[in-house]
Amino acid sequence: MCSQAISAKRRTGARSAAGFSLIELLIVVGIILIIASIAIPNYMKSRMVANEAAAVENIRTITTAETTYNISYGNGYAPTLLTLGGKPPVSCNNAALIDDVLAATALRIGYNFSYAAGPAVGAPPAGCAPGLNLYTVAAMPVVPGSTGQRGFCADPSAVIRTEPTGVAGNPGVGGCVDPGWPALR
């Protein structure tokens, strides 16, 4: 009797040691594929929305820095984004109002950023590069529908405007007032 129990135990032990059958593995792979087909599109959409939010926040940061530069230095708006960046000590040519990565990078978080400069103001203060009377900062998705859906821009009015398709290209100076760029809500 004891030998029969041992041989029965060996048979069940041998069966459990053999692993999964092919059918069991295929069922598990099928379940994983179904879950992935649901999760990946949601992840992509979430990433696109996050990129858009970051682009809007970067434009808001730049327009706030432009207003601060204009008030602080009496030189109009900064001639370049690099002028708004830099490290202390600060000056009208190195304002340190935005981080250097934002000041120097045209491609950021799935968006191409551009800065269009308007006409220069009169004589700048001593030691300053001439400031501007007008500017436009814009962010357009690198791959519309993938890295972002909408384009964004702002000018001295500090109203962030959106281009719904993200394919219109960067607006020139004053291009944010185009009827195709409604205010962001």
N, C-alpha and C. Protein backbone atom coordinates (compact mmCIF):
# COMPACT_ATOMS: atom_id res chain seq x y z
N MET A 1 0.81 -1.18 0.00
CA MET A 1 0.00 0.00 0.00
C MET A 1 0.86 1.25 0.00
N CYS A 2 1.91 1.19 0.75
CA CYS A 2 2.79 2.34 0.86
C CYS A 2 3.48 2.62 -0.47
N SER A 3 3.86 1.62 -1.21
CA SER A 3 4.51 1.82 -2.50
C SER A 3 3.55 2.41 -3.53
N GLN A 4 2.25 2.04 -3.41
CA GLN A 4 1.26 2.62 -4.33
C GLN A 4 1.08 4.11 -4.06
N ALA A 5 1.09 4.53 -2.82
CA ALA A 5 0.96 5.95 -2.47
C ALA A 5 2.16 6.74 -2.95
N ILE A 6 3.34 6.13 -2.83
CA ILE A 6 4.55 6.82 -3.27
C ILE A 6 4.56 6.95 -4.79
N SER A 7 4.17 5.90 -5.51
CA SER A 7 4.15 5.99 -6.97
C SER A 7 3.08 6.96 -7.45
N ALA A 8 1.94 7.05 -6.73
CA ALA A 8 0.90 8.01 -7.09
C ALA A 8 1.40 9.44 -6.87
N LYS A 9 2.14 9.62 -5.79
CA LYS A 9 2.70 10.93 -5.49
C LYS A 9 3.73 11.32 -6.55
N ARG A 10 4.51 10.36 -6.99
CA ARG A 10 5.51 10.63 -8.01
C ARG A 10 4.83 11.04 -9.32
N ARG A 11 3.73 10.36 -9.67
CA ARG A 11 3.03 10.69 -10.91
C ARG A 11 2.49 12.11 -10.87
N THR A 12 1.86 12.49 -9.78
CA THR A 12 1.32 13.86 -9.70
C THR A 12 2.44 14.87 -9.60
N GLY A 13 3.51 14.53 -8.92
CA GLY A 13 4.65 15.43 -8.82
C GLY A 13 5.32 15.60 -10.18
N ALA A 14 5.41 14.52 -10.92
CA ALA A 14 6.02 14.60 -12.25
C ALA A 14 5.15 15.45 -13.17
N ARG A 15 3.84 15.35 -12.99
CA ARG A 15 2.93 16.12 -13.84
C ARG A 15 3.04 17.61 -13.53
N SER A 16 3.13 17.97 -12.25
CA SER A 16 3.22 19.38 -11.89
C SER A 16 4.59 19.95 -12.25
N ALA A 17 5.61 19.13 -12.31
CA ALA A 17 6.94 19.60 -12.65
C ALA A 17 7.09 19.83 -14.16
N ALA A 18 6.18 19.30 -14.94
CA ALA A 18 6.29 19.42 -16.39
C ALA A 18 6.03 20.85 -16.86
N GLY A 19 5.36 21.70 -16.08
CA GLY A 19 5.11 23.09 -16.46
C GLY A 19 3.75 23.26 -17.09
N PHE A 20 3.62 24.36 -17.83
CA PHE A 20 2.35 24.70 -18.46
C PHE A 20 2.21 24.00 -19.81
N SER A 21 1.00 23.73 -20.18
CA SER A 21 0.77 23.17 -21.50
C SER A 21 0.74 24.32 -22.51
N LEU A 22 0.83 24.01 -23.77
CA LEU A 22 0.82 25.00 -24.82
C LEU A 22 -0.48 25.81 -24.82
N ILE A 23 -1.59 25.16 -24.58
CA ILE A 23 -2.89 25.84 -24.53
C ILE A 23 -2.91 26.88 -23.41
N GLU A 24 -2.39 26.52 -22.25
CA GLU A 24 -2.37 27.45 -21.13
C GLU A 24 -1.51 28.68 -21.45
N LEU A 25 -0.37 28.47 -22.08
CA LEU A 25 0.50 29.58 -22.47
C LEU A 25 -0.17 30.48 -23.50
N LEU A 26 -0.86 29.88 -24.47
CA LEU A 26 -1.55 30.68 -25.49
C LEU A 26 -2.67 31.51 -24.88
N ILE A 27 -3.37 30.96 -23.91
CA ILE A 27 -4.43 31.72 -23.23
C ILE A 27 -3.83 32.92 -22.49
N VAL A 28 -2.74 32.72 -21.80
CA VAL A 28 -2.08 33.81 -21.07
C VAL A 28 -1.60 34.89 -22.04
N VAL A 29 -0.97 34.49 -23.13
CA VAL A 29 -0.50 35.46 -24.13
C VAL A 29 -1.68 36.22 -24.72
N GLY A 30 -2.77 35.54 -25.00
CA GLY A 30 -3.96 36.21 -25.53
C GLY A 30 -4.51 37.25 -24.57
N ILE A 31 -4.56 36.92 -23.29
CA ILE A 31 -5.04 37.87 -22.28
C ILE A 31 -4.13 39.08 -22.20
N ILE A 32 -2.83 38.86 -22.24
CA ILE A 32 -1.88 39.98 -22.20
C ILE A 32 -2.05 40.88 -23.42
N LEU A 33 -2.25 40.29 -24.60
CA LEU A 33 -2.46 41.10 -25.81
C LEU A 33 -3.74 41.91 -25.74
N ILE A 34 -4.79 41.35 -25.18
CA ILE A 34 -6.05 42.09 -25.04
C ILE A 34 -5.86 43.27 -24.09
N ILE A 35 -5.21 43.04 -22.98
CA ILE A 35 -4.96 44.13 -22.02
C ILE A 35 -4.09 45.21 -22.65
N ALA A 36 -3.05 44.81 -23.40
CA ALA A 36 -2.17 45.79 -24.05
C ALA A 36 -2.93 46.59 -25.11
N SER A 37 -3.82 45.96 -25.85
CA SER A 37 -4.56 46.68 -26.88
C SER A 37 -5.50 47.72 -26.28
N ILE A 38 -5.89 47.54 -25.05
CA ILE A 38 -6.73 48.53 -24.36
C ILE A 38 -5.86 49.61 -23.73
N ALA A 39 -4.75 49.23 -23.14
CA ALA A 39 -3.93 50.16 -22.36
C ALA A 39 -3.07 51.09 -23.21
N ILE A 40 -2.50 50.59 -24.30
CA ILE A 40 -1.56 51.40 -25.09
C ILE A 40 -2.22 52.64 -25.68
N PRO A 41 -3.38 52.57 -26.32
CA PRO A 41 -4.00 53.81 -26.83
C PRO A 41 -4.32 54.82 -25.72
N ASN A 42 -4.75 54.34 -24.57
CA ASN A 42 -5.01 55.24 -23.45
C ASN A 42 -3.73 55.91 -22.96
N TYR A 43 -2.63 55.17 -22.94
CA TYR A 43 -1.34 55.73 -22.56
C TYR A 43 -0.90 56.80 -23.56
N MET A 44 -1.06 56.53 -24.83
CA MET A 44 -0.65 57.49 -25.87
C MET A 44 -1.47 58.78 -25.76
N LYS A 45 -2.76 58.66 -25.54
CA LYS A 45 -3.62 59.83 -25.39
C LYS A 45 -3.23 60.62 -24.14
N SER A 46 -2.95 59.93 -23.06
CA SER A 46 -2.53 60.60 -21.82
C SER A 46 -1.21 61.34 -22.02
N ARG A 47 -0.29 60.72 -22.74
CA ARG A 47 1.00 61.37 -23.00
C ARG A 47 0.81 62.61 -23.86
N MET A 48 -0.08 62.54 -24.86
CA MET A 48 -0.35 63.68 -25.73
C MET A 48 -0.96 64.83 -24.92
N VAL A 49 -1.90 64.53 -24.05
CA VAL A 49 -2.52 65.57 -23.22
C VAL A 49 -1.47 66.18 -22.28
N ALA A 50 -0.59 65.37 -21.73
CA ALA A 50 0.47 65.88 -20.85
C ALA A 50 1.43 66.77 -21.63
N ASN A 51 1.77 66.40 -22.85
CA ASN A 51 2.64 67.24 -23.69
C ASN A 51 2.00 68.59 -23.96
N GLU A 52 0.69 68.59 -24.26
CA GLU A 52 -0.02 69.85 -24.52
C GLU A 52 -0.02 70.73 -23.28
N ALA A 53 -0.28 70.15 -22.12
CA ALA A 53 -0.28 70.93 -20.88
C ALA A 53 1.10 71.52 -20.60
N ALA A 54 2.14 70.75 -20.85
CA ALA A 54 3.50 71.25 -20.63
C ALA A 54 3.83 72.37 -21.62
N ALA A 55 3.39 72.24 -22.87
CA ALA A 55 3.64 73.28 -23.87
C ALA A 55 2.95 74.58 -23.47
N VAL A 56 1.71 74.50 -23.02
CA VAL A 56 0.98 75.69 -22.57
C VAL A 56 1.70 76.32 -21.38
N GLU A 57 2.15 75.51 -20.45
CA GLU A 57 2.85 76.04 -19.28
C GLU A 57 4.16 76.70 -19.67
N ASN A 58 4.89 76.13 -20.63
CA ASN A 58 6.13 76.75 -21.10
C ASN A 58 5.86 78.09 -21.77
N ILE A 59 4.80 78.18 -22.56
CA ILE A 59 4.45 79.46 -23.19
C ILE A 59 4.05 80.47 -22.12
N ARG A 60 3.30 80.03 -21.12
CA ARG A 60 2.90 80.92 -20.02
C ARG A 60 4.16 81.43 -19.29
N THR A 61 5.11 80.57 -19.06
CA THR A 61 6.36 80.96 -18.39
C THR A 61 7.10 82.01 -19.22
N ILE A 62 7.16 81.80 -20.52
CA ILE A 62 7.87 82.74 -21.40
C ILE A 62 7.15 84.09 -21.42
N THR A 63 5.84 84.11 -21.53
CA THR A 63 5.12 85.40 -21.58
C THR A 63 5.24 86.14 -20.25
N THR A 64 5.24 85.44 -19.14
CA THR A 64 5.45 86.08 -17.84
C THR A 64 6.86 86.66 -17.75
N ALA A 65 7.84 85.91 -18.24
CA ALA A 65 9.22 86.40 -18.24
C ALA A 65 9.36 87.62 -19.15
N GLU A 66 8.68 87.62 -20.28
CA GLU A 66 8.73 88.78 -21.19
C GLU A 66 8.17 90.03 -20.51
N THR A 67 7.05 89.88 -19.82
CA THR A 67 6.45 91.02 -19.12
C THR A 67 7.39 91.52 -18.03
N THR A 68 8.00 90.61 -17.29
CA THR A 68 8.95 90.98 -16.24
C THR A 68 10.16 91.69 -16.84
N TYR A 69 10.67 91.18 -17.96
CA TYR A 69 11.81 91.80 -18.64
C TYR A 69 11.46 93.22 -19.07
N ASN A 70 10.29 93.38 -19.67
CA ASN A 70 9.85 94.69 -20.17
C ASN A 70 9.77 95.70 -19.02
N ILE A 71 9.19 95.28 -17.91
CA ILE A 71 9.04 96.19 -16.76
C ILE A 71 10.39 96.45 -16.09
N SER A 72 11.21 95.43 -15.95
CA SER A 72 12.47 95.56 -15.21
C SER A 72 13.52 96.38 -15.93
N TYR A 73 13.63 96.25 -17.24
CA TYR A 73 14.75 96.86 -17.96
C TYR A 73 14.34 98.05 -18.83
N GLY A 74 13.06 98.30 -19.02
CA GLY A 74 12.64 99.42 -19.85
C GLY A 74 13.19 99.35 -21.26
N ASN A 75 13.34 98.15 -21.74
CA ASN A 75 13.97 97.92 -23.04
C ASN A 75 13.03 97.17 -23.98
N GLY A 76 11.75 97.26 -23.76
CA GLY A 76 10.82 96.48 -24.57
C GLY A 76 10.90 95.02 -24.18
N TYR A 77 10.64 94.15 -25.14
CA TYR A 77 10.69 92.71 -24.89
C TYR A 77 12.05 92.16 -25.30
N ALA A 78 12.41 91.01 -24.76
CA ALA A 78 13.73 90.42 -25.01
C ALA A 78 13.93 90.13 -26.49
N PRO A 79 15.13 90.41 -27.01
CA PRO A 79 15.38 90.15 -28.43
C PRO A 79 15.43 88.66 -28.78
N THR A 80 15.79 87.81 -27.83
CA THR A 80 15.82 86.35 -28.04
C THR A 80 15.40 85.66 -26.75
N LEU A 81 15.07 84.39 -26.86
CA LEU A 81 14.78 83.62 -25.64
C LEU A 81 16.04 83.45 -24.79
N LEU A 82 17.20 83.39 -25.43
CA LEU A 82 18.45 83.26 -24.68
C LEU A 82 18.67 84.46 -23.75
N THR A 83 18.17 85.62 -24.14
CA THR A 83 18.28 86.81 -23.30
C THR A 83 17.49 86.62 -22.00
N LEU A 84 16.39 85.88 -22.07
CA LEU A 84 15.57 85.64 -20.87
C LEU A 84 16.20 84.60 -19.95
N GLY A 85 17.12 83.80 -20.47
CA GLY A 85 17.77 82.75 -19.67
C GLY A 85 19.04 83.26 -19.04
N GLY A 86 19.93 82.35 -18.75
CA GLY A 86 21.22 82.71 -18.18
C GLY A 86 21.26 82.49 -16.68
N LYS A 87 22.43 82.71 -16.13
CA LYS A 87 22.68 82.55 -14.70
C LYS A 87 23.05 83.91 -14.10
N PRO A 88 22.82 84.10 -12.80
CA PRO A 88 23.21 85.35 -12.16
C PRO A 88 24.71 85.58 -12.32
N PRO A 89 25.17 86.79 -12.34
CA PRO A 89 24.44 88.04 -12.11
C PRO A 89 23.58 88.40 -13.33
N VAL A 90 22.45 89.00 -13.05
CA VAL A 90 21.50 89.32 -14.10
C VAL A 90 21.78 90.68 -14.71
N SER A 91 21.37 90.80 -15.96
CA SER A 91 21.48 92.07 -16.68
C SER A 91 20.43 92.04 -17.79
N CYS A 92 20.34 93.10 -18.55
CA CYS A 92 19.37 93.14 -19.64
C CYS A 92 19.73 92.16 -20.76
N ASN A 93 20.96 91.66 -20.79
CA ASN A 93 21.36 90.68 -21.80
C ASN A 93 21.38 89.26 -21.25
N ASN A 94 21.13 89.12 -19.95
CA ASN A 94 21.20 87.83 -19.25
C ASN A 94 20.24 87.90 -18.06
N ALA A 95 18.93 87.87 -18.35
CA ALA A 95 17.93 88.19 -17.33
C ALA A 95 17.68 87.08 -16.31
N ALA A 96 18.02 85.85 -16.62
CA ALA A 96 17.83 84.70 -15.72
C ALA A 96 16.37 84.59 -15.25
N LEU A 97 15.42 84.81 -16.16
CA LEU A 97 14.00 84.72 -15.83
C LEU A 97 13.40 83.36 -16.16
N ILE A 98 14.03 82.62 -17.07
CA ILE A 98 13.59 81.26 -17.40
C ILE A 98 14.81 80.36 -17.36
N ASP A 99 14.60 79.06 -17.24
CA ASP A 99 15.75 78.16 -17.19
C ASP A 99 16.42 78.09 -18.56
N ASP A 100 17.70 77.75 -18.53
CA ASP A 100 18.49 77.72 -19.77
C ASP A 100 18.00 76.69 -20.77
N VAL A 101 17.43 75.59 -20.30
CA VAL A 101 16.94 74.56 -21.21
C VAL A 101 15.78 75.11 -22.04
N LEU A 102 14.85 75.79 -21.39
CA LEU A 102 13.72 76.39 -22.10
C LEU A 102 14.20 77.50 -23.03
N ALA A 103 15.19 78.26 -22.61
CA ALA A 103 15.70 79.37 -23.42
C ALA A 103 16.43 78.89 -24.67
N ALA A 104 17.10 77.75 -24.58
CA ALA A 104 17.97 77.32 -25.68
C ALA A 104 17.39 76.21 -26.55
N THR A 105 16.33 75.55 -26.13
CA THR A 105 15.84 74.37 -26.82
C THR A 105 14.63 74.69 -27.69
N ALA A 106 14.75 74.40 -28.97
CA ALA A 106 13.61 74.59 -29.87
C ALA A 106 12.67 73.38 -29.79
N LEU A 107 13.19 72.21 -29.52
CA LEU A 107 12.39 70.99 -29.43
C LEU A 107 12.31 70.58 -27.98
N ARG A 108 11.07 70.50 -27.47
CA ARG A 108 10.88 70.17 -26.06
C ARG A 108 9.54 69.49 -25.88
N ILE A 109 9.50 68.40 -25.14
CA ILE A 109 8.30 67.65 -24.78
C ILE A 109 7.37 67.39 -25.96
N GLY A 110 7.93 67.05 -27.11
CA GLY A 110 7.11 66.71 -28.27
C GLY A 110 6.61 67.91 -29.05
N TYR A 111 7.11 69.10 -28.74
CA TYR A 111 6.70 70.33 -29.42
C TYR A 111 7.92 71.09 -29.92
N ASN A 112 7.76 71.73 -31.09
CA ASN A 112 8.76 72.65 -31.61
C ASN A 112 8.37 74.05 -31.15
N PHE A 113 9.27 74.72 -30.45
CA PHE A 113 9.03 76.08 -29.99
C PHE A 113 9.73 77.06 -30.92
N SER A 114 9.05 78.16 -31.20
CA SER A 114 9.66 79.20 -32.03
C SER A 114 9.42 80.56 -31.39
N TYR A 115 10.30 81.49 -31.68
CA TYR A 115 10.21 82.84 -31.15
C TYR A 115 10.41 83.79 -32.32
N ALA A 116 9.37 84.55 -32.63
CA ALA A 116 9.45 85.51 -33.74
C ALA A 116 9.55 86.92 -33.14
N ALA A 117 10.56 87.65 -33.56
CA ALA A 117 10.83 88.98 -33.02
C ALA A 117 10.22 90.07 -33.89
N GLY A 118 9.66 91.06 -33.25
CA GLY A 118 9.08 92.20 -33.94
C GLY A 118 10.10 93.31 -34.10
N PRO A 119 9.64 94.52 -34.43
CA PRO A 119 10.56 95.63 -34.63
C PRO A 119 11.22 96.05 -33.31
N ALA A 120 12.43 96.56 -33.42
CA ALA A 120 13.20 96.98 -32.24
C ALA A 120 12.64 98.30 -31.70
N VAL A 121 12.80 98.45 -30.40
CA VAL A 121 12.44 99.73 -29.77
C VAL A 121 13.51 100.74 -30.13
N GLY A 122 13.34 101.95 -29.65
CA GLY A 122 14.35 103.00 -29.91
C GLY A 122 15.69 102.63 -29.31
N ALA A 123 16.41 103.62 -28.87
CA ALA A 123 17.74 103.41 -28.31
C ALA A 123 17.65 102.59 -27.02
N PRO A 124 18.40 101.49 -26.93
CA PRO A 124 18.36 100.67 -25.71
C PRO A 124 19.15 101.33 -24.58
N PRO A 125 18.90 100.91 -23.35
CA PRO A 125 19.73 101.39 -22.24
C PRO A 125 21.20 100.98 -22.47
N ALA A 126 22.10 101.66 -21.84
CA ALA A 126 23.54 101.40 -22.02
C ALA A 126 23.86 99.94 -21.74
N GLY A 127 24.59 99.31 -22.65
CA GLY A 127 25.04 97.95 -22.50
C GLY A 127 24.01 96.89 -22.85
N CYS A 128 22.85 97.29 -23.32
CA CYS A 128 21.79 96.34 -23.63
C CYS A 128 21.63 96.17 -25.13
N ALA A 129 21.32 94.96 -25.54
CA ALA A 129 20.92 94.74 -26.93
C ALA A 129 19.55 95.37 -27.12
N PRO A 130 19.24 95.90 -28.29
CA PRO A 130 17.93 96.52 -28.49
C PRO A 130 16.79 95.54 -28.22
N GLY A 131 15.80 95.98 -27.44
CA GLY A 131 14.63 95.17 -27.17
C GLY A 131 13.62 95.29 -28.30
N LEU A 132 12.48 94.64 -28.14
CA LEU A 132 11.47 94.58 -29.20
C LEU A 132 10.16 95.22 -28.76
N ASN A 133 9.40 95.69 -29.74
CA ASN A 133 8.06 96.19 -29.48
C ASN A 133 7.03 95.07 -29.50
N LEU A 134 7.37 93.94 -30.11
CA LEU A 134 6.42 92.87 -30.33
C LEU A 134 7.16 91.54 -30.42
N TYR A 135 6.52 90.47 -30.01
CA TYR A 135 7.07 89.13 -30.16
C TYR A 135 5.92 88.14 -30.30
N THR A 136 6.21 86.96 -30.79
CA THR A 136 5.27 85.85 -30.80
C THR A 136 6.06 84.60 -30.43
N VAL A 137 5.58 83.88 -29.45
CA VAL A 137 6.17 82.59 -29.09
C VAL A 137 5.13 81.53 -29.41
N ALA A 138 5.57 80.46 -30.08
CA ALA A 138 4.63 79.43 -30.53
C ALA A 138 5.19 78.04 -30.23
N ALA A 139 4.28 77.10 -30.08
CA ALA A 139 4.64 75.69 -29.88
C ALA A 139 3.74 74.86 -30.79
N MET A 140 4.35 74.10 -31.69
CA MET A 140 3.61 73.24 -32.61
C MET A 140 4.05 71.79 -32.39
N PRO A 141 3.12 70.84 -32.41
CA PRO A 141 3.50 69.44 -32.18
C PRO A 141 4.46 68.93 -33.27
N VAL A 142 5.44 68.15 -32.84
CA VAL A 142 6.39 67.57 -33.78
C VAL A 142 5.66 66.62 -34.73
N VAL A 143 4.79 65.78 -34.19
CA VAL A 143 3.98 64.85 -34.98
C VAL A 143 2.52 65.06 -34.57
N PRO A 144 1.79 65.89 -35.32
CA PRO A 144 0.39 66.14 -34.94
C PRO A 144 -0.40 64.83 -34.83
N GLY A 145 -1.17 64.74 -33.75
CA GLY A 145 -1.95 63.53 -33.50
C GLY A 145 -1.19 62.49 -32.71
N SER A 146 0.12 62.69 -32.50
CA SER A 146 0.91 61.73 -31.74
C SER A 146 1.58 62.40 -30.55
N THR A 147 2.38 63.45 -30.79
CA THR A 147 3.03 64.15 -29.68
C THR A 147 2.15 65.26 -29.13
N GLY A 148 1.15 65.67 -29.88
CA GLY A 148 0.20 66.68 -29.45
C GLY A 148 -0.82 66.88 -30.55
N GLN A 149 -1.98 67.39 -30.19
CA GLN A 149 -3.03 67.60 -31.19
C GLN A 149 -3.12 69.05 -31.64
N ARG A 150 -2.86 69.99 -30.71
CA ARG A 150 -3.06 71.40 -31.01
C ARG A 150 -1.75 72.18 -30.95
N GLY A 151 -1.71 73.28 -31.69
CA GLY A 151 -0.61 74.22 -31.60
C GLY A 151 -1.01 75.36 -30.67
N PHE A 152 -0.01 76.06 -30.11
CA PHE A 152 -0.27 77.16 -29.17
C PHE A 152 0.63 78.33 -29.49
N CYS A 153 0.15 79.54 -29.23
CA CYS A 153 1.00 80.71 -29.36
C CYS A 153 0.53 81.82 -28.42
N ALA A 154 1.41 82.77 -28.19
CA ALA A 154 1.09 83.93 -27.36
C ALA A 154 1.93 85.11 -27.85
N ASP A 155 1.46 86.30 -27.54
CA ASP A 155 2.15 87.54 -27.89
C ASP A 155 2.10 88.45 -26.66
N PRO A 156 2.47 89.71 -26.78
CA PRO A 156 2.49 90.57 -25.59
C PRO A 156 1.15 90.69 -24.85
N SER A 157 0.05 90.35 -25.48
CA SER A 157 -1.23 90.38 -24.77
C SER A 157 -1.29 89.30 -23.69
N ALA A 158 -0.40 88.31 -23.75
CA ALA A 158 -0.31 87.19 -22.82
C ALA A 158 -1.51 86.25 -22.91
N VAL A 159 -2.33 86.40 -23.92
CA VAL A 159 -3.44 85.48 -24.15
C VAL A 159 -2.88 84.30 -24.94
N ILE A 160 -3.01 83.12 -24.38
CA ILE A 160 -2.52 81.92 -25.08
C ILE A 160 -3.62 81.48 -26.04
N ARG A 161 -3.23 81.34 -27.29
CA ARG A 161 -4.18 80.96 -28.33
C ARG A 161 -3.83 79.57 -28.85
N THR A 162 -4.82 78.92 -29.42
CA THR A 162 -4.63 77.55 -29.88
C THR A 162 -5.00 77.41 -31.35
N GLU A 163 -4.29 76.54 -32.02
CA GLU A 163 -4.60 76.18 -33.40
C GLU A 163 -5.05 74.73 -33.34
N PRO A 164 -6.32 74.46 -33.59
CA PRO A 164 -6.89 73.13 -33.30
C PRO A 164 -6.26 71.94 -34.00
N THR A 165 -5.71 72.11 -35.19
CA THR A 165 -5.19 70.94 -35.92
C THR A 165 -3.72 70.69 -35.66
N GLY A 166 -2.97 71.69 -35.22
CA GLY A 166 -1.54 71.52 -34.96
C GLY A 166 -0.70 71.44 -36.21
N VAL A 167 -1.26 71.79 -37.38
CA VAL A 167 -0.50 71.67 -38.63
C VAL A 167 -0.37 73.01 -39.37
N ALA A 168 -0.84 74.09 -38.79
CA ALA A 168 -0.83 75.38 -39.49
C ALA A 168 0.55 75.99 -39.62
N GLY A 169 1.53 75.46 -38.92
CA GLY A 169 2.86 76.05 -38.94
C GLY A 169 2.95 77.16 -37.91
N ASN A 170 4.16 77.62 -37.67
CA ASN A 170 4.36 78.66 -36.67
C ASN A 170 3.89 80.00 -37.20
N PRO A 171 3.13 80.74 -36.40
CA PRO A 171 2.69 82.05 -36.85
C PRO A 171 3.86 83.03 -36.81
N GLY A 172 3.84 84.00 -37.67
CA GLY A 172 4.86 85.03 -37.62
C GLY A 172 4.55 86.01 -36.51
N VAL A 173 5.28 87.11 -36.49
CA VAL A 173 5.04 88.14 -35.49
C VAL A 173 3.63 88.66 -35.67
N GLY A 174 2.87 88.68 -34.60
CA GLY A 174 1.49 89.13 -34.65
C GLY A 174 0.53 88.10 -35.19
N GLY A 175 1.01 86.89 -35.49
CA GLY A 175 0.17 85.86 -36.08
C GLY A 175 -0.83 85.23 -35.14
N CYS A 176 -0.69 85.47 -33.85
CA CYS A 176 -1.62 84.89 -32.88
C CYS A 176 -3.00 85.52 -32.94
N VAL A 177 -3.12 86.69 -33.56
CA VAL A 177 -4.43 87.33 -33.62
C VAL A 177 -5.23 86.85 -34.83
N ASP A 178 -4.65 85.98 -35.62
CA ASP A 178 -5.35 85.39 -36.77
C ASP A 178 -6.62 84.70 -36.27
N PRO A 179 -7.74 84.83 -36.98
CA PRO A 179 -8.99 84.18 -36.53
C PRO A 179 -8.88 82.67 -36.38
N GLY A 180 -7.90 82.06 -37.04
CA GLY A 180 -7.70 80.61 -36.91
C GLY A 180 -7.07 80.21 -35.59
N TRP A 181 -6.73 81.18 -34.76
CA TRP A 181 -6.09 80.92 -33.46
C TRP A 181 -6.98 81.45 -32.33
N PRO A 182 -8.06 80.76 -31.98
CA PRO A 182 -8.92 81.24 -30.89
C PRO A 182 -8.22 81.15 -29.53
N ALA A 183 -8.67 81.95 -28.58
CA ALA A 183 -8.09 81.94 -27.23
C ALA A 183 -8.30 80.58 -26.57
N LEU A 184 -7.29 80.14 -25.85
CA LEU A 184 -7.37 78.88 -25.12
C LEU A 184 -8.34 79.03 -23.97
N ARG A 185 -9.18 78.05 -23.78
CA ARG A 185 -10.15 78.09 -22.67
C ARG A 185 -9.84 77.01 -21.69
